[in-house]
């Protein structure tokens, strides 16, 4: 690296500071707004959304579910599109769209209107999360990645905390101008999101090869640095086909992280959507429930960043993923088992939020950085998040009103989902561990180097020089 720095006249440490300052904050703001507009419905429901719209039976759960239908199907397409439409244009347009739709949710009059808005929010938000992980994976080496990924992902915890805190203050607006408190939640948060879209248009980073804040020598340095650490070319210049996309789905390395993420999404979204309701059912008032929902999210924020630093420091993913998932299980077990002790159940909320929301970015980052070429990184991150969000559909139907206040079925499924994620994470570990050995055999090398140059570049991490992390 020292020789490369001298050759191109680039100071690696200063360049990393520059990238951190220009890349991470806009992505953090973008996903903060995205997650805030996604989960604020749970705070709105505590303030009477279901009652005012005349929702009956499982209609509230259905409204939660329809968000994930487009979210599952359009993520791979979105990651494919940003190779042709610059990321800063595509992502800021998504932000503006779902902010406007969120405002519209404040004026829905019935179940049908709520469902349509939730579907459209899922559609417009579907491009944000996997695209950000895809882009981040193009700026950092495996040793630099986890704390950056988790710094970005930790805004989910801040958004969860902010959602509860904002809802607590918005309660004072109940009845103002003839609008209920739950309507003000959507209108205010949606308006803020729309207002930030212009700022994000000017600040969101594009791919390193066309990034506006990088000089030509810095682009070349970053490209060659990433190739040195990954052992494979990025293949940004290659125009990918639909066949290239479909070929990625033949690989177990695309499916195992997606299954693990699905397992984590079930309890994570179950908590995000129903925490305020569960806390209210412990005996708190509606406003107090929203207030008390803030503190477990703050615990999650600090744990996510501390564990991310340690993961990068020791260059290990699996041990930290397993430990975080076990903490999440312990928290869910406390909420499930301590039916007659509100304080213990509330304590379980801290462990649940901290454990689950720390394990999730560990798994996503681990998988994203183990994908070598642009097409494999694009499809791998998008499919992991897209397919994984099927777990969101499950999550919306496991916490039913009839199961209050214990929510035994929902909490049991949440624990099972986390255990499933652990098993998939272990399977992924054994797969990459074995592949690191297989790729060094003569037979594998002969087969790989017999492919044409384009196929070798697209193969990315399948290159014998690429070492999978775990």
Protein backbone atom coordinates (compact mmCIF):
# COMPACT_ATOMS: atom_id res chain seq x y z
CA UNK A 1 0.00 0.00 0.00
CA UNK A 2 2.85 2.36 0.74
CA UNK A 3 4.20 1.92 -2.78
CA UNK A 4 0.76 2.53 -4.29
CA UNK A 5 0.36 5.68 -2.16
CA UNK A 6 3.67 7.08 -3.43
CA UNK A 7 2.91 6.15 -7.03
CA UNK A 8 -0.44 7.97 -7.09
CA UNK A 9 0.35 10.66 -4.51
CA UNK A 10 -2.50 9.68 -2.17
CA UNK A 11 -2.44 9.50 1.63
CA UNK A 12 -4.60 6.48 2.51
CA UNK A 13 -5.59 7.70 5.97
CA UNK A 14 -6.62 11.17 4.73
CA UNK A 15 -8.56 9.59 1.86
CA UNK A 16 -10.47 7.36 4.31
CA UNK A 17 -11.35 10.40 6.41
CA UNK A 18 -12.56 12.14 3.27
CA UNK A 19 -14.67 9.16 2.22
CA UNK A 20 -16.12 8.78 5.73
CA UNK A 21 -17.10 12.45 5.82
CA UNK A 22 -18.65 12.48 2.34
CA UNK A 23 -20.21 9.01 2.10
CA UNK A 24 -21.49 7.94 5.52
CA UNK A 25 -23.51 10.99 6.78
CA UNK A 26 -25.84 11.29 3.73
CA UNK A 27 -26.52 7.54 3.81
CA UNK A 28 -27.20 7.72 7.55
CA UNK A 29 -29.70 10.56 7.04
CA UNK A 30 -31.32 8.72 4.13
CA UNK A 31 -31.89 5.53 6.06
CA UNK A 32 -32.91 7.38 9.21
CA UNK A 33 -35.74 8.97 7.24
CA UNK A 34 -36.59 5.69 5.54
CA UNK A 35 -36.83 3.70 8.78
CA UNK A 36 -38.68 6.51 10.56
CA UNK A 37 -41.40 6.62 7.88
CA UNK A 38 -41.57 2.83 7.93
CA UNK A 39 -42.14 2.22 11.66
CA UNK A 40 -44.04 5.36 12.70
CA UNK A 41 -47.28 3.50 12.05
CA UNK A 42 -46.72 1.62 15.32
CA UNK A 43 -46.66 4.91 17.27
CA UNK A 44 -49.69 6.15 15.33
CA UNK A 45 -51.60 3.00 16.23
CA UNK A 46 -51.00 3.60 19.92
CA UNK A 47 -52.69 7.00 19.45
CA UNK A 48 -55.84 5.52 17.95
CA UNK A 49 -55.22 4.95 14.23
CA UNK A 50 -57.07 1.63 14.24
CA UNK A 51 -60.04 3.05 16.10
CA UNK A 52 -60.38 6.17 13.94
CA UNK A 53 -60.15 4.20 10.67
CA UNK A 54 -62.52 1.52 11.96
CA UNK A 55 -60.00 -1.30 11.53
CA UNK A 56 -61.30 -4.68 12.64
CA UNK A 57 -59.79 -8.13 13.11
CA UNK A 58 -56.35 -8.37 11.51
CA UNK A 59 -56.71 -5.36 9.22
CA UNK A 60 -53.93 -3.46 11.02
CA UNK A 61 -51.62 -6.43 10.51
CA UNK A 62 -52.59 -6.58 6.83
CA UNK A 63 -51.68 -2.89 6.48
CA UNK A 64 -48.25 -3.69 7.91
CA UNK A 65 -47.85 -6.69 5.60
CA UNK A 66 -48.50 -4.97 2.27
CA UNK A 67 -45.42 -2.80 2.83
CA UNK A 68 -43.21 -5.85 2.37
CA UNK A 69 -44.79 -7.19 -0.83
CA UNK A 70 -43.14 -4.66 -3.19
CA UNK A 71 -40.13 -4.44 -0.86
CA UNK A 72 -39.32 -8.11 -1.52
CA UNK A 73 -39.65 -7.95 -5.31
CA UNK A 74 -38.08 -4.62 -6.32
CA UNK A 75 -34.78 -4.63 -4.42
CA UNK A 76 -32.76 -6.61 -6.98
CA UNK A 77 -34.28 -4.46 -9.76
CA UNK A 78 -33.30 -1.28 -7.88
CA UNK A 79 -29.69 -2.40 -7.49
CA UNK A 80 -29.63 -3.17 -11.21
CA UNK A 81 -31.05 0.27 -12.07
CA UNK A 82 -28.43 2.30 -10.17
CA UNK A 83 -25.77 1.11 -12.61
CA UNK A 84 -27.67 3.12 -15.25
CA UNK A 85 -29.26 5.93 -13.19
CA UNK A 86 -26.78 7.67 -10.91
CA UNK A 87 -27.34 6.70 -7.25
CA UNK A 88 -27.73 10.29 -6.05
CA UNK A 89 -30.56 10.81 -8.54
CA UNK A 90 -32.29 7.48 -7.92
CA UNK A 91 -32.08 7.49 -4.14
CA UNK A 92 -33.11 11.12 -3.64
CA UNK A 93 -36.12 10.50 -5.89
CA UNK A 94 -37.07 7.53 -3.70
CA UNK A 95 -36.78 9.70 -0.59
CA UNK A 96 -38.97 12.44 -2.03
CA UNK A 97 -41.58 9.89 -3.10
CA UNK A 98 -42.00 8.05 0.18
CA UNK A 99 -41.97 11.32 2.12
CA UNK A 100 -44.90 12.57 0.04
CA UNK A 101 -46.76 9.29 0.50
CA UNK A 102 -46.16 9.45 4.26
CA UNK A 103 -47.86 12.86 4.32
CA UNK A 104 -50.76 11.28 2.45
CA UNK A 105 -51.11 8.64 5.17
CA UNK A 106 -52.10 11.42 7.54
CA UNK A 107 -55.25 11.98 5.50
CA UNK A 108 -56.45 8.41 4.86
CA UNK A 109 -60.06 7.78 5.86
CA UNK A 110 -60.36 4.00 5.77
CA UNK A 111 -58.62 0.63 5.56
CA UNK A 112 -58.33 0.77 1.75
CA UNK A 113 -56.51 4.10 1.77
CA UNK A 114 -54.12 2.89 4.47
CA UNK A 115 -53.27 -0.27 2.51
CA UNK A 116 -52.58 1.66 -0.70
CA UNK A 117 -50.27 4.09 1.09
CA UNK A 118 -48.38 1.30 2.84
CA UNK A 119 -47.91 -0.54 -0.46
CA UNK A 120 -46.57 2.60 -2.16
CA UNK A 121 -44.21 3.34 0.73
CA UNK A 122 -42.84 -0.21 0.44
CA UNK A 123 -42.41 0.27 -3.31
CA UNK A 124 -40.54 3.58 -3.04
CA UNK A 125 -38.42 2.52 -0.06
CA UNK A 126 -37.39 -0.79 -1.62
CA UNK A 127 -34.45 0.76 -3.42
CA UNK A 128 -32.81 2.43 -0.44
CA UNK A 129 -31.43 -0.21 1.93
CA UNK A 130 -29.75 -2.70 -0.45
CA UNK A 131 -28.46 0.13 -2.66
CA UNK A 132 -26.70 1.72 0.30
CA UNK A 133 -25.04 -1.54 1.34
CA UNK A 134 -24.06 -2.13 -2.29
CA UNK A 135 -22.47 1.32 -2.52
CA UNK A 136 -20.73 1.11 0.85
CA UNK A 137 -19.22 -2.22 -0.16
CA UNK A 138 -17.54 -0.43 -3.09
CA UNK A 139 -15.64 2.04 -0.87
CA UNK A 140 -14.18 -0.06 1.95
CA UNK A 141 -12.04 -3.14 2.39
CA UNK A 142 -13.19 -6.00 4.60
CA UNK A 143 -11.03 -4.77 7.49
CA UNK A 144 -12.51 -1.25 7.30
CA UNK A 145 -16.12 -2.14 6.73
CA UNK A 146 -18.02 -3.28 9.81
CA UNK A 147 -17.86 -0.10 11.89
CA UNK A 148 -18.94 1.91 8.83
CA UNK A 149 -21.77 -0.47 8.00
CA UNK A 150 -22.94 -0.51 11.61
CA UNK A 151 -22.60 3.27 11.96
CA UNK A 152 -25.02 3.50 9.06
CA UNK A 153 -27.27 0.70 10.30
CA UNK A 154 -27.33 2.11 13.83
CA UNK A 155 -29.53 4.95 12.61
CA UNK A 156 -32.34 2.38 12.61
CA UNK A 157 -32.03 2.43 16.39
CA UNK A 158 -31.94 6.23 16.43
CA UNK A 159 -34.96 6.31 14.11
CA UNK A 160 -36.81 3.92 16.41
CA UNK A 161 -35.93 6.11 19.39
CA UNK A 162 -36.82 9.30 17.51
CA UNK A 163 -40.12 7.81 16.41
CA UNK A 164 -41.13 7.24 20.02
CA UNK A 165 -39.79 10.61 21.20
CA UNK A 166 -41.48 12.55 18.38
CA UNK A 167 -44.73 10.70 18.95
CA UNK A 168 -44.54 11.55 22.66
CA UNK A 169 -44.25 15.29 21.88
CA UNK A 170 -46.78 15.20 19.04
CA UNK A 171 -49.43 14.04 21.51
CA UNK A 172 -49.70 17.72 22.47
CA UNK A 173 -51.02 18.46 18.94
CA UNK A 174 -53.96 16.10 19.29
CA UNK A 175 -57.04 17.88 17.95
CA UNK A 176 -55.17 20.85 16.47
CA UNK A 177 -56.77 21.99 13.19
CA UNK A 178 -59.15 19.07 13.46
CA UNK A 179 -56.38 16.45 13.13
CA UNK A 180 -55.69 13.63 15.56
CA UNK A 181 -52.22 13.03 17.04
CA UNK A 182 -51.67 9.97 14.84
CA UNK A 183 -52.30 12.07 11.72
CA UNK A 184 -49.78 14.67 12.82
CA UNK A 185 -47.13 11.93 13.14
CA UNK A 186 -47.39 11.07 9.44
CA UNK A 187 -47.72 14.67 8.25
CA UNK A 188 -44.79 16.10 10.21
CA UNK A 189 -42.38 13.22 9.62
CA UNK A 190 -43.33 13.01 5.93
CA UNK A 191 -42.79 16.76 5.46
CA UNK A 192 -39.33 16.57 7.04
CA UNK A 193 -38.46 13.66 4.72
CA UNK A 194 -39.51 15.63 1.63
CA UNK A 195 -37.51 18.63 2.81
CA UNK A 196 -34.35 16.52 3.11
CA UNK A 197 -34.65 15.05 -0.41
CA UNK A 198 -33.01 18.10 -2.02
CA UNK A 199 -30.12 18.00 0.43
CA UNK A 200 -29.59 14.31 -0.29
CA UNK A 201 -29.65 14.91 -4.05
CA UNK A 202 -26.59 17.15 -3.62
CA UNK A 203 -24.71 14.97 -1.10
CA UNK A 204 -25.35 11.26 -1.81
CA UNK A 205 -22.22 9.58 -3.17
CA UNK A 206 -22.18 7.73 -6.48
CA UNK A 207 -19.93 4.74 -7.21
CA UNK A 208 -16.20 5.43 -6.60
CA UNK A 209 -15.50 5.31 -10.34
CA UNK A 210 -17.77 8.35 -10.92
CA UNK A 211 -17.88 9.92 -7.48
CA UNK A 212 -18.01 13.72 -7.56
CA UNK A 213 -15.85 14.38 -4.49
CA UNK A 214 -12.93 12.13 -5.52
CA UNK A 215 -10.04 13.26 -7.73
CA UNK A 216 -8.87 11.07 -10.61
CA UNK A 217 -5.80 9.79 -8.71
CA UNK A 218 -7.94 9.05 -5.64
CA UNK A 219 -10.39 7.01 -7.76
CA UNK A 220 -7.52 5.01 -9.22
CA UNK A 221 -5.95 4.50 -5.79
CA UNK A 222 -9.22 3.30 -4.28
CA UNK A 223 -9.91 0.93 -7.17
CA UNK A 224 -6.47 -0.66 -7.01
CA UNK A 225 -6.50 -0.79 -3.21
CA UNK A 226 -9.79 -2.70 -3.17
CA UNK A 227 -8.51 -5.07 -5.83
CA UNK A 228 -5.36 -5.73 -3.77
CA UNK A 229 -7.36 -6.55 -0.63
CA UNK A 230 -10.06 -8.56 -2.38
CA UNK A 231 -7.82 -10.31 -4.89
CA UNK A 232 -10.33 -9.67 -7.68
CA UNK A 233 -11.32 -6.87 -10.06
CA UNK A 234 -14.59 -5.03 -9.34
CA UNK A 235 -15.97 -5.33 -12.91
CA UNK A 236 -17.63 -1.90 -12.75
CA UNK A 237 -16.92 -1.24 -16.43
CA UNK A 238 -18.67 -4.41 -17.59
CA UNK A 239 -22.27 -4.11 -18.75
CA UNK A 240 -24.16 -6.90 -17.05
CA UNK A 241 -26.97 -8.90 -18.58
CA UNK A 242 -30.05 -10.52 -17.09
CA UNK A 243 -28.25 -13.85 -17.49
CA UNK A 244 -25.42 -12.55 -15.29
CA UNK A 245 -28.00 -11.68 -12.64
CA UNK A 246 -29.71 -15.07 -12.83
CA UNK A 247 -26.38 -16.92 -12.61
CA UNK A 248 -25.78 -15.36 -9.20
CA UNK A 249 -28.81 -17.20 -7.82
CA UNK A 250 -27.12 -20.54 -8.45
CA UNK A 251 -24.68 -19.79 -5.63
CA UNK A 252 -25.24 -20.92 -2.04
CA UNK A 253 -23.37 -17.79 -0.88
CA UNK A 254 -26.32 -15.72 -2.11
CA UNK A 255 -28.94 -17.85 -0.37
CA UNK A 256 -27.51 -18.60 3.09
CA UNK A 257 -27.08 -14.94 4.16
CA UNK A 258 -30.56 -14.20 2.81
CA UNK A 259 -32.04 -17.01 4.91
CA UNK A 260 -30.12 -15.83 7.99
CA UNK A 261 -31.35 -12.29 7.47
CA UNK A 262 -34.92 -13.54 7.05
CA UNK A 263 -34.62 -15.27 10.42
CA UNK A 264 -33.42 -12.03 12.04
CA UNK A 265 -36.05 -9.86 10.36
CA UNK A 266 -38.92 -11.81 11.96
CA UNK A 267 -38.09 -10.79 15.56
CA UNK A 268 -36.52 -7.44 14.60
CA UNK A 269 -39.55 -6.10 12.75
CA UNK A 270 -41.85 -7.78 15.23
CA UNK A 271 -40.17 -5.67 17.89
CA UNK A 272 -40.07 -2.49 15.77
CA UNK A 273 -43.78 -2.64 14.91
CA UNK A 274 -45.15 -3.84 18.23
CA UNK A 275 -42.77 -2.58 20.95
CA UNK A 276 -44.91 0.46 21.78
CA UNK A 277 -48.03 -1.72 21.92
CA UNK A 278 -46.33 -4.34 24.12
CA UNK A 279 -45.02 -1.63 26.47
CA UNK A 280 -48.49 -0.04 26.64
CA UNK A 281 -49.95 -3.42 27.57
CA UNK A 282 -47.56 -3.52 30.54
CA UNK A 283 -49.75 -0.82 32.08
CA UNK A 284 -48.43 2.44 30.64
CA UNK A 285 -50.58 5.15 29.08
CA UNK A 286 -50.35 5.67 25.30
CA UNK A 287 -48.05 8.70 25.59
CA UNK A 288 -45.90 7.04 28.26
CA UNK A 289 -45.60 3.87 26.16
CA UNK A 290 -44.17 5.90 23.27
CA UNK A 291 -41.79 7.61 25.68
CA UNK A 292 -40.59 4.33 27.22
CA UNK A 293 -40.09 2.79 23.77
CA UNK A 294 -37.21 5.25 23.20
CA UNK A 295 -34.70 3.86 25.72
CA UNK A 296 -34.25 0.29 24.39
CA UNK A 297 -33.48 1.80 20.97
CA UNK A 298 -30.75 3.95 22.50
CA UNK A 299 -29.22 0.85 24.11
CA UNK A 300 -29.26 -0.80 20.68
CA UNK A 301 -27.50 2.20 19.12
CA UNK A 302 -24.57 2.05 21.53
CA UNK A 303 -24.21 -1.74 21.40
CA UNK A 304 -24.26 -1.80 17.59
CA UNK A 305 -21.36 0.64 17.31
CA UNK A 306 -19.28 -0.88 20.12
CA UNK A 307 -19.59 -4.40 18.71
CA UNK A 308 -18.85 -3.13 15.18
CA UNK A 309 -15.60 -1.56 16.40
CA UNK A 310 -14.60 -4.81 18.09
CA UNK A 311 -15.54 -6.85 15.02
CA UNK A 312 -13.28 -4.72 12.82
CA UNK A 313 -10.56 -4.69 15.47
CA UNK A 314 -10.38 -8.49 15.63
CA UNK A 315 -11.46 -8.98 11.98
CA UNK A 316 -14.06 -11.54 12.99
CA UNK A 317 -17.78 -11.68 12.14
CA UNK A 318 -19.23 -15.01 13.26
CA UNK A 319 -18.46 -14.81 17.04
CA UNK A 320 -20.00 -11.35 17.34
CA UNK A 321 -23.02 -12.33 15.25
CA UNK A 322 -23.68 -15.38 17.44
CA UNK A 323 -23.21 -13.50 20.72
CA UNK A 324 -25.55 -10.68 19.63
CA UNK A 325 -28.22 -13.14 18.47
CA UNK A 326 -28.07 -14.98 21.80
CA UNK A 327 -28.54 -11.68 23.67
CA UNK A 328 -31.60 -11.04 21.51
CA UNK A 329 -32.99 -14.48 22.39
CA UNK A 330 -32.43 -13.79 26.10
CA UNK A 331 -34.41 -10.54 25.82
CA UNK A 332 -37.29 -12.19 23.97
CA UNK A 333 -37.34 -14.96 26.59
CA UNK A 334 -37.62 -12.35 29.36
CA UNK A 335 -40.59 -10.67 27.66
CA UNK A 336 -42.19 -14.07 27.10
CA UNK A 337 -41.59 -15.60 30.51
CA UNK A 338 -42.10 -12.70 32.94
CA UNK A 339 -45.83 -12.26 32.37
CA UNK A 340 -46.42 -10.93 35.89
CA UNK A 341 -43.36 -8.68 36.11
CA UNK A 342 -43.56 -5.54 33.90
CA UNK A 343 -40.10 -4.39 34.96
CA UNK A 344 -38.49 -7.65 33.84
CA UNK A 345 -40.40 -7.56 30.55
CA UNK A 346 -39.30 -3.98 29.98
CA UNK A 347 -35.70 -5.00 30.73
CA UNK A 348 -36.12 -7.71 28.09
CA UNK A 349 -36.93 -4.99 25.55
CA UNK A 350 -33.43 -3.57 26.04
CA UNK A 351 -31.73 -6.91 25.37
CA UNK A 352 -34.05 -7.67 22.46
CA UNK A 353 -33.43 -4.39 20.64
CA UNK A 354 -29.69 -4.34 21.36
CA UNK A 355 -29.09 -7.99 20.44
CA UNK A 356 -31.20 -8.21 17.30
CA UNK A 357 -30.22 -4.87 15.80
CA UNK A 358 -26.53 -5.59 16.41
CA UNK A 359 -26.68 -9.04 14.80
CA UNK A 360 -28.42 -7.82 11.63
CA UNK A 361 -25.70 -5.44 10.29
CA UNK A 362 -23.04 -7.99 11.20
CA UNK A 363 -24.68 -10.52 8.91
CA UNK A 364 -25.35 -8.04 6.08
CA UNK A 365 -21.83 -6.62 6.16
CA UNK A 366 -20.26 -10.07 6.39
CA UNK A 367 -22.10 -11.22 3.28
CA UNK A 368 -21.69 -7.97 1.31
CA UNK A 369 -17.91 -7.88 1.75
CA UNK A 370 -17.62 -11.54 0.77
CA UNK A 371 -18.99 -10.67 -2.67
CA UNK A 372 -16.23 -9.66 -5.07
CA UNK A 373 -17.57 -8.20 -8.32
CA UNK A 374 -20.14 -5.45 -8.88
CA UNK A 375 -22.80 -7.83 -10.18
CA UNK A 376 -22.36 -10.34 -7.34
CA UNK A 377 -22.31 -7.56 -4.74
CA UNK A 378 -25.38 -5.98 -6.33
CA UNK A 379 -27.43 -9.17 -6.49
CA UNK A 380 -26.13 -10.56 -3.20
CA UNK A 381 -26.95 -7.49 -1.08
CA UNK A 382 -30.29 -6.89 -2.80
CA UNK A 383 -31.43 -10.49 -2.50
CA UNK A 384 -30.32 -10.78 1.10
CA UNK A 385 -32.37 -7.74 2.06
CA UNK A 386 -35.22 -8.38 -0.40
CA UNK A 387 -35.73 -12.07 0.29
CA UNK A 388 -34.98 -11.50 3.96
CA UNK A 389 -37.86 -9.06 4.19
CA UNK A 390 -40.27 -11.93 3.68
CA UNK A 391 -39.61 -12.20 7.40
CA UNK A 392 -41.33 -8.84 7.71
CA UNK A 393 -44.52 -10.36 6.34
CA UNK A 394 -44.29 -13.07 9.00
CA UNK A 395 -43.55 -10.49 11.70
CA UNK A 396 -46.69 -8.49 11.00
CA UNK A 397 -48.94 -11.49 11.66
CA UNK A 398 -47.39 -12.99 14.78
CA UNK A 399 -48.35 -10.22 17.23
CA UNK A 400 -52.13 -10.24 17.15
CA UNK A 401 -54.48 -8.20 19.32
CA UNK A 402 -56.18 -11.35 20.63
CA UNK A 403 -52.85 -12.55 22.10
CA UNK A 404 -52.35 -9.41 24.25
CA UNK A 405 -50.82 -8.83 26.73
CA UNK A 406 -48.62 -11.96 26.75
CA UNK A 407 -48.15 -12.32 22.96
CA UNK A 408 -46.97 -15.89 23.51
CA UNK A 409 -47.27 -17.04 19.84
CA UNK A 410 -45.47 -13.94 18.53
CA UNK A 411 -42.61 -14.08 21.00
CA UNK A 412 -42.21 -17.83 20.46
CA UNK A 413 -41.97 -17.39 16.69
CA UNK A 414 -39.50 -14.52 17.21
CA UNK A 415 -37.23 -16.78 19.29
CA UNK A 416 -37.51 -19.54 16.68
CA UNK A 417 -36.63 -17.07 13.91
CA UNK A 418 -33.48 -15.99 15.74
CA UNK A 419 -32.44 -19.63 16.28
CA UNK A 420 -32.99 -20.26 12.55
CA UNK A 421 -30.75 -17.27 11.75
CA UNK A 422 -28.02 -18.69 13.98
CA UNK A 423 -28.15 -22.03 12.16
CA UNK A 424 -27.97 -20.32 8.75
CA UNK A 425 -25.08 -18.16 9.96
CA UNK A 426 -23.20 -21.28 11.04
CA UNK A 427 -23.93 -22.93 7.68
CA UNK A 428 -22.60 -19.82 5.91
CA UNK A 429 -19.44 -19.94 8.02
CA UNK A 430 -18.75 -23.59 7.18
CA UNK A 431 -19.42 -22.88 3.49
CA UNK A 432 -16.93 -20.00 3.18
CA UNK A 433 -14.41 -21.82 5.37
CA UNK A 434 -14.54 -24.81 3.05
CA UNK A 435 -14.42 -22.63 -0.10
CA UNK A 436 -11.26 -20.87 1.10
CA UNK A 437 -9.59 -24.30 1.12
CA UNK A 438 -11.16 -25.60 -2.10
CA UNK A 439 -10.08 -22.51 -4.06
CA UNK A 440 -6.43 -23.29 -3.35
CA UNK A 441 -6.56 -26.70 -5.00
CA UNK A 442 -5.01 -27.18 -8.45
CA UNK A 443 -8.24 -28.54 -9.92
CA UNK A 444 -10.20 -25.44 -8.87
CA UNK A 445 -7.54 -23.06 -10.21
CA UNK A 446 -7.36 -24.87 -13.54
CA UNK A 447 -11.13 -24.72 -13.93
CA UNK A 448 -11.27 -21.02 -12.99
CA UNK A 449 -8.44 -19.88 -15.27
CA UNK A 450 -9.91 -21.85 -18.17
CA UNK A 451 -12.81 -19.34 -18.24
CA UNK A 452 -12.65 -16.31 -20.51
CA UNK A 453 -11.51 -12.96 -19.10
CA UNK A 454 -15.02 -11.48 -18.76
CA UNK A 455 -16.27 -14.52 -16.86
CA UNK A 456 -13.29 -14.39 -14.49
CA UNK A 457 -13.87 -10.73 -13.69
CA UNK A 458 -17.61 -11.20 -13.13
CA UNK A 459 -16.87 -14.21 -10.88
CA UNK A 460 -15.31 -11.78 -8.39
CA UNK A 461 -14.97 -13.57 -5.07
CA UNK A 462 -14.80 -16.95 -6.80
CA UNK A 463 -11.30 -15.96 -7.87
CA UNK A 464 -8.69 -18.17 -6.10
CA UNK A 465 -6.95 -14.99 -4.86
CA UNK A 466 -10.06 -13.83 -2.97
CA UNK A 467 -10.19 -14.92 0.68
CA UNK A 468 -13.57 -15.06 2.38
CA UNK A 469 -13.81 -13.52 5.86
CA UNK A 470 -15.56 -15.10 8.80
